[in-house]
Protein backbone atom coordinates (compact mmCIF):
# COMPACT_ATOMS: atom_id res chain seq x y z
CA MET A 1 8.42 -85.79 46.94
CA HIS A 2 10.79 -83.10 46.85
CA ALA A 3 10.77 -82.87 42.73
CA ARG A 4 10.22 -80.14 39.82
CA LEU A 5 10.42 -80.28 35.84
CA ASP A 6 13.49 -79.55 34.51
CA HIS A 7 13.62 -79.50 30.92
CA VAL A 8 11.41 -80.79 28.03
CA GLY A 9 13.42 -82.69 25.58
CA VAL A 10 12.57 -82.49 21.50
CA ASN A 11 14.53 -84.44 18.83
CA VAL A 12 15.87 -82.59 15.98
CA ARG A 13 17.49 -83.33 12.72
CA ASP A 14 19.04 -79.67 12.24
CA LEU A 15 20.84 -78.91 15.62
CA ALA A 16 22.50 -75.43 14.72
CA ALA A 17 18.85 -74.33 12.98
CA GLN A 18 16.71 -75.41 15.03
CA THR A 19 19.04 -73.62 18.07
CA ALA A 20 19.39 -70.69 16.54
CA TRP A 21 15.40 -70.29 16.04
CA TYR A 22 14.67 -71.41 19.16
CA ARG A 23 16.98 -68.49 19.87
CA ASP A 24 15.51 -66.17 18.13
CA ALA A 25 11.98 -66.82 18.20
CA VAL A 26 11.18 -67.90 21.51
CA GLY A 27 14.08 -65.88 23.73
CA LEU A 28 15.79 -69.19 24.74
CA LYS A 29 19.73 -68.96 25.87
CA SER A 30 22.31 -71.80 25.70
CA VAL A 31 23.19 -73.32 28.82
CA PHE A 32 25.36 -75.96 28.02
CA GLU A 33 26.44 -77.96 24.82
CA PHE A 34 27.50 -81.92 24.63
CA HIS A 35 28.44 -84.86 23.13
CA LEU A 36 27.49 -88.01 24.62
CA ASP A 37 30.88 -90.69 23.54
CA GLY A 38 30.01 -93.58 21.13
CA PRO A 39 27.32 -93.38 18.78
CA GLY A 40 25.68 -91.04 21.14
CA PRO A 41 23.88 -87.81 19.97
CA THR A 42 25.23 -84.32 20.60
CA GLY A 43 22.79 -81.48 22.44
CA VAL A 44 22.13 -78.38 23.64
CA VAL A 45 19.98 -76.83 26.89
CA LEU A 46 18.41 -73.83 26.24
CA ALA A 47 16.59 -72.09 29.16
CA HIS A 48 15.07 -69.32 29.58
CA PRO A 49 14.31 -65.72 31.40
CA HIS A 50 11.84 -67.31 33.76
CA GLY A 51 13.74 -70.19 34.34
CA TRP A 52 12.18 -73.11 31.87
CA ARG A 53 14.34 -75.24 29.66
CA ILE A 54 14.82 -77.06 26.61
CA GLU A 55 16.73 -79.60 25.72
CA LEU A 56 17.72 -80.22 21.66
CA LEU A 57 19.12 -83.40 20.73
CA ALA A 58 20.26 -84.62 17.23
CA ARG A 59 21.59 -88.45 16.28
CA GLU A 60 23.27 -88.90 13.07
CA GLY A 61 20.30 -91.38 10.82
CA SER A 62 17.75 -90.14 12.73
CA THR A 63 14.53 -90.27 10.45
CA PRO A 64 10.78 -87.92 11.32
CA GLY A 65 8.74 -89.00 13.67
CA PRO A 66 4.74 -89.22 13.72
CA ARG A 67 3.77 -85.37 13.27
CA ALA A 68 0.46 -85.02 13.84
CA PRO A 69 -1.69 -81.74 11.88
CA ASP A 70 -3.86 -80.77 14.53
CA PRO A 71 -3.65 -80.80 18.67
CA MET A 72 -6.69 -83.01 18.16
CA THR A 73 -5.28 -85.71 15.57
CA ALA A 74 -2.23 -85.74 17.77
CA ALA A 75 -3.98 -87.13 20.88
CA LEU A 76 -4.48 -90.01 18.76
CA THR A 77 -1.15 -91.21 19.74
CA GLU A 78 0.08 -91.61 22.65
CA GLY A 79 2.84 -90.06 24.58
CA TYR A 80 4.23 -87.22 24.91
CA GLY A 81 2.41 -84.25 22.23
CA HIS A 82 3.44 -81.32 23.31
CA PHE A 83 4.59 -78.11 25.36
CA ALA A 84 2.97 -74.67 26.68
CA VAL A 85 4.38 -71.76 27.50
CA THR A 86 2.70 -68.57 29.12
CA THR A 87 2.36 -65.47 28.22
CA PRO A 88 0.41 -62.29 29.21
CA GLU A 89 -0.20 -61.26 25.27
CA LEU A 90 -1.12 -64.27 23.38
CA ASP A 91 -1.82 -62.31 20.07
CA PRO A 92 1.79 -60.41 19.12
CA VAL A 93 3.47 -63.40 20.76
CA TYR A 94 1.98 -65.53 17.93
CA ALA A 95 2.50 -63.19 15.36
CA ALA A 96 6.37 -63.07 16.20
CA VAL A 97 7.07 -66.73 16.40
CA VAL A 98 5.67 -67.18 12.82
CA ALA A 99 6.65 -64.53 11.42
CA ARG A 100 10.02 -66.01 12.12
CA GLY A 101 9.23 -69.11 10.70
CA ALA A 102 7.17 -71.06 12.75
CA GLY A 103 4.16 -73.51 11.38
CA GLU A 104 0.76 -72.35 11.99
CA VAL A 105 -1.48 -75.14 13.34
CA MET A 106 -4.27 -73.20 15.35
CA ASP A 107 -4.81 -69.44 15.22
CA PRO A 108 -5.66 -67.53 18.75
CA GLY A 109 -8.77 -69.09 20.50
CA PRO A 110 -10.31 -69.96 23.26
CA SER A 111 -8.96 -73.05 25.38
CA PRO A 112 -10.56 -75.62 27.60
CA GLU A 113 -9.91 -73.52 30.60
CA PRO A 114 -12.23 -71.04 31.31
CA GLY A 115 -11.12 -67.72 30.35
CA ILE A 116 -8.14 -69.11 29.03
CA ARG A 117 -6.87 -68.50 25.18
CA MET A 118 -4.59 -70.56 23.88
CA ALA A 119 -2.30 -71.34 20.09
CA TRP A 120 -0.65 -74.06 18.60
CA VAL A 121 2.51 -73.44 16.33
CA SER A 122 5.16 -76.15 15.02
CA ASP A 123 8.78 -75.85 14.72
CA PRO A 124 10.08 -75.09 11.05
CA GLU A 125 11.57 -78.63 10.18
CA GLY A 126 10.23 -80.30 6.90
CA GLY A 127 8.33 -79.44 3.26
CA LEU A 128 7.66 -79.33 -0.23
CA LEU A 129 11.50 -78.94 -1.09
CA PRO A 130 12.55 -82.17 -0.10
CA MET A 131 10.07 -83.82 -2.03
CA ALA A 132 11.62 -82.29 -5.16
CA ALA A 133 14.53 -82.98 -4.77
CA GLY A 134 14.33 -86.65 -4.05
CA GLN A 135 11.46 -87.11 -7.45
CA PHE A 136 14.63 -85.28 -9.92
CA TRP A 137 17.43 -87.65 -7.81
CA ILE A 138 15.35 -90.74 -8.71
CA ALA A 139 14.93 -89.26 -12.33
CA ALA A 140 18.66 -89.56 -12.06
CA LEU A 141 18.99 -93.19 -11.81
CA PRO A 142 19.91 -95.19 -14.96
CA ILE A 143 17.35 -97.69 -15.25
CA THR A 144 19.59 -100.85 -14.94
CA THR A 145 19.59 -99.64 -11.66
CA THR A 146 19.48 -102.32 -9.27
CA SER A 147 20.79 -101.65 -5.99
CA LEU A 148 18.56 -100.96 -3.38
CA ALA A 149 21.39 -98.20 -1.89
CA ALA A 150 20.98 -95.87 -5.03
CA PHE A 151 17.21 -95.60 -3.71
CA ILE A 152 17.54 -95.23 0.27
CA GLY A 153 18.61 -91.21 -0.62
CA PRO A 154 15.85 -90.13 -2.62
CA VAL A 155 13.51 -92.49 -1.08
CA LEU A 156 13.96 -90.85 2.54
CA LEU A 157 13.56 -87.48 1.12
CA LEU A 158 10.58 -88.08 -0.53
CA GLY A 159 9.07 -89.64 2.74
CA VAL A 160 10.37 -86.96 4.95
CA GLY A 161 8.97 -84.03 2.00
CA PHE A 162 5.09 -86.43 1.79
CA ILE A 163 5.29 -86.22 5.46
CA CYS A 164 5.38 -82.29 6.09
CA VAL A 165 3.37 -81.52 3.44
CA VAL A 166 0.18 -83.56 4.42
CA SER A 167 0.59 -82.32 7.95
CA SER A 168 0.99 -78.89 6.36
CA LEU A 169 -1.90 -79.06 4.37
CA THR A 170 -4.16 -80.60 6.99
CA SER A 171 -3.63 -78.14 9.38
CA ALA A 172 -4.39 -75.16 7.25
CA ALA A 173 -7.78 -76.92 6.16
CA VAL A 174 -8.43 -77.01 9.89
CA ASN A 175 -6.60 -73.84 10.78
CA ALA A 176 -9.35 -72.27 8.59
CA VAL A 177 -12.46 -73.28 10.03
CA PRO A 178 -14.01 -72.86 13.33
CA ILE A 179 -12.82 -75.24 16.06
CA THR A 180 -16.22 -77.20 15.39
CA MET A 181 -16.05 -77.67 12.54
CA THR A 182 -12.22 -79.28 12.27
CA ASP A 183 -13.22 -82.82 12.13
CA MET A 184 -14.97 -82.24 8.04
CA ALA A 185 -11.83 -80.09 7.99
CA SER A 186 -9.81 -82.97 8.71
CA GLY A 187 -11.52 -85.32 6.52
CA ALA A 188 -12.32 -83.26 3.60
CA THR A 189 -8.20 -83.01 3.44
CA SER A 190 -7.92 -87.21 3.85
CA LEU A 191 -9.96 -87.48 1.05
CA VAL A 192 -8.47 -84.89 -1.76
CA ARG A 193 -4.83 -86.85 -0.60
CA GLU A 194 -6.49 -90.19 -1.40
CA PHE A 195 -8.21 -88.86 -5.18
CA GLY A 196 -4.73 -87.32 -5.49
CA GLN A 197 -2.51 -90.66 -4.62
CA ALA A 198 -4.89 -92.59 -6.95
CA LEU A 199 -5.28 -89.88 -9.71
CA GLY A 200 -1.39 -89.01 -9.70
CA PRO A 201 -0.22 -92.10 -10.40
CA ALA A 202 -2.45 -92.93 -13.36
CA VAL A 203 -1.62 -89.81 -15.13
CA ILE A 204 2.23 -90.00 -14.57
CA SER A 205 2.22 -93.22 -15.89
CA THR A 206 0.07 -92.23 -18.64
CA VAL A 207 2.78 -90.16 -19.57
CA ALA A 208 5.56 -92.45 -18.86
CA MET A 209 4.44 -94.97 -21.41
CA SER A 210 3.47 -92.80 -23.82
CA ALA A 211 7.24 -91.13 -23.67
CA ALA A 212 9.12 -94.51 -23.88
CA SER A 213 6.15 -95.59 -27.17
CA SER A 214 7.48 -92.21 -28.62
CA VAL A 215 11.08 -93.24 -28.24
CA LEU A 216 10.51 -96.66 -30.18
CA VAL A 217 8.35 -95.16 -33.12
CA GLY A 218 11.14 -96.99 -36.05
CA LYS A 219 13.11 -98.98 -33.89
CA LEU A 220 11.61 -102.62 -33.88
CA SER A 221 9.76 -104.33 -36.70
CA GLY A 222 8.45 -107.23 -37.46
CA ALA A 223 6.52 -109.17 -34.35
CA ASP A 224 8.71 -106.92 -32.09
CA ALA A 225 6.48 -104.02 -33.61
CA GLY A 226 3.26 -105.45 -33.61
CA MET A 227 3.37 -106.57 -30.17
CA GLU A 228 4.59 -102.89 -29.36
CA ALA A 229 1.49 -101.70 -30.79
CA ALA A 230 -0.67 -104.21 -29.12
CA ALA A 231 0.24 -103.96 -25.46
CA GLY A 232 2.86 -101.33 -25.25
CA PRO A 233 6.99 -101.13 -24.05
CA LEU A 234 6.32 -103.20 -21.01
CA ALA A 235 5.64 -106.21 -23.49
CA VAL A 236 8.40 -106.33 -25.52
CA VAL A 237 10.96 -105.50 -22.44
CA ASN A 238 8.97 -108.73 -21.02
CA ALA A 239 8.55 -111.05 -24.09
CA GLY A 240 10.53 -109.10 -27.07
CA SER A 241 13.77 -110.37 -29.08
CA ASP A 242 16.79 -109.55 -27.48
CA SER A 243 17.69 -106.30 -29.23
CA ALA A 244 13.75 -104.72 -28.97
CA ARG A 245 14.23 -105.96 -24.44
CA ALA A 246 17.17 -103.19 -24.83
CA ALA A 247 15.48 -100.52 -26.62
CA ALA A 248 12.23 -100.61 -24.59
CA GLN A 249 14.49 -100.72 -21.77
CA SER A 250 15.68 -97.49 -22.50
CA ALA A 251 13.33 -96.48 -23.63
CA LEU A 252 10.84 -96.94 -20.53
CA GLY A 253 13.86 -95.36 -18.15
CA HIS A 254 13.56 -92.12 -20.77
CA GLY A 255 9.67 -92.15 -20.08
CA MET A 256 9.72 -93.14 -16.12
CA ALA A 257 12.44 -90.40 -16.22
CA VAL A 258 9.78 -87.67 -17.75
CA GLY A 259 7.54 -88.60 -15.50
CA VAL A 260 9.30 -88.52 -12.26
CA VAL A 261 10.58 -84.74 -13.66
CA ILE A 262 6.93 -83.70 -13.70
CA CYS A 263 6.20 -84.70 -10.04
CA GLY A 264 9.50 -82.77 -9.25
CA CYS A 265 8.56 -79.68 -11.16
CA ALA A 266 5.14 -79.66 -9.80
CA SER A 267 7.09 -80.01 -6.44
CA LEU A 268 8.85 -76.95 -7.34
CA LEU A 269 5.61 -75.08 -8.43
CA GLY A 270 4.24 -75.59 -5.40
CA ALA A 271 7.25 -74.49 -2.89
CA LEU A 272 7.10 -71.68 -5.43
CA VAL A 273 3.13 -70.81 -4.62
CA THR A 274 3.39 -71.27 -1.32
CA LEU A 275 6.03 -68.52 -0.65
CA LEU A 276 5.07 -66.35 -3.19
CA LEU A 277 0.68 -66.57 -2.10
CA VAL A 278 0.45 -67.86 1.17
CA ARG A 279 -0.05 -65.40 4.15
CA LYS A 280 -1.57 -65.22 7.05
CA ASN A 281 -5.59 -64.04 7.16
CA ALA A 282 -5.11 -61.33 9.11
CA ALA A 283 -9.17 -60.66 8.32
CA ARG A 284 -10.38 -63.79 10.57
CA SER A 285 -12.18 -62.98 13.59
CA VAL A 286 -10.64 -64.75 17.12
CA VAL A 287 -13.10 -65.46 19.64
CA GLY A 288 -12.47 -65.71 23.35
CA ALA A 289 -11.39 -63.80 25.68
CA GLY A 290 -9.21 -63.42 28.90
CA GLU A 291 -6.53 -61.31 30.41
CA ALA A 292 -3.97 -64.85 30.88
CA ALA A 293 -3.24 -66.56 27.37
CA VAL A 294 -1.90 -69.82 26.94
CA GLN A 295 0.69 -70.66 23.79
CA ALA A 296 1.33 -74.03 22.78
CA ALA A 297 3.82 -75.68 20.27
CA THR A 298 4.16 -79.17 18.96
CA ALA A 299 7.51 -80.75 19.29
């Protein structure tokens, strides 16, 4: 059979931004752009001077798929995992694409093929800022909101941000240890994540209930006041008098907004710390040698 590989397809969220990144960071040039009729995607085919091509596809309403933080985790999902290109100068190429916004998945090091070195990077889509935006959006919703549609936007932002943050944290941990200890690093990040998912809601709910109780001070009387003192605002909103229920509902809305705003501020603080303090560890040693090199990129 006379056939050759024509291109690799990558689905993206922001076609213009990703096209610009692949041009600047990888040195590709646009061959042609297209749009399929109806609800079909818009795309662009990019080619390298050496002949290999990538097709970027974007469709309205797309959502992020599973993104593994490292090659070992990616191998747990069947199907397409990455594409790879070869270069005789791995380290400067790796440094160049990282400087242009690529995520560091695995530093240059030995590959399974004898005498060959490899590195892994990810393209720039993802982050903490979508989480902060989703949290502030939820905080702005009135407590009386019952429409599911009102929550679709902020929940999608939270989901995208969470996926990207977890992937980045796991990638950083795995990338900071020798390859023989990557399973331990991945397990440690999972433990910390599960601990945070248990502790975070407990702390934020305590803050929210305290803020709600403070708002109700002096607004309840008689049995309603006793109920709030014994069981808190949730009891009043479910079993209090009509006026007490309205006051408790408003107080709970205030408490929830305070709690979610704290989460949003924490996400913004995390993004700021990442931008200001997180840098590539140039002192980390690279193991392995060989004339040829392989640079792989996760999609």
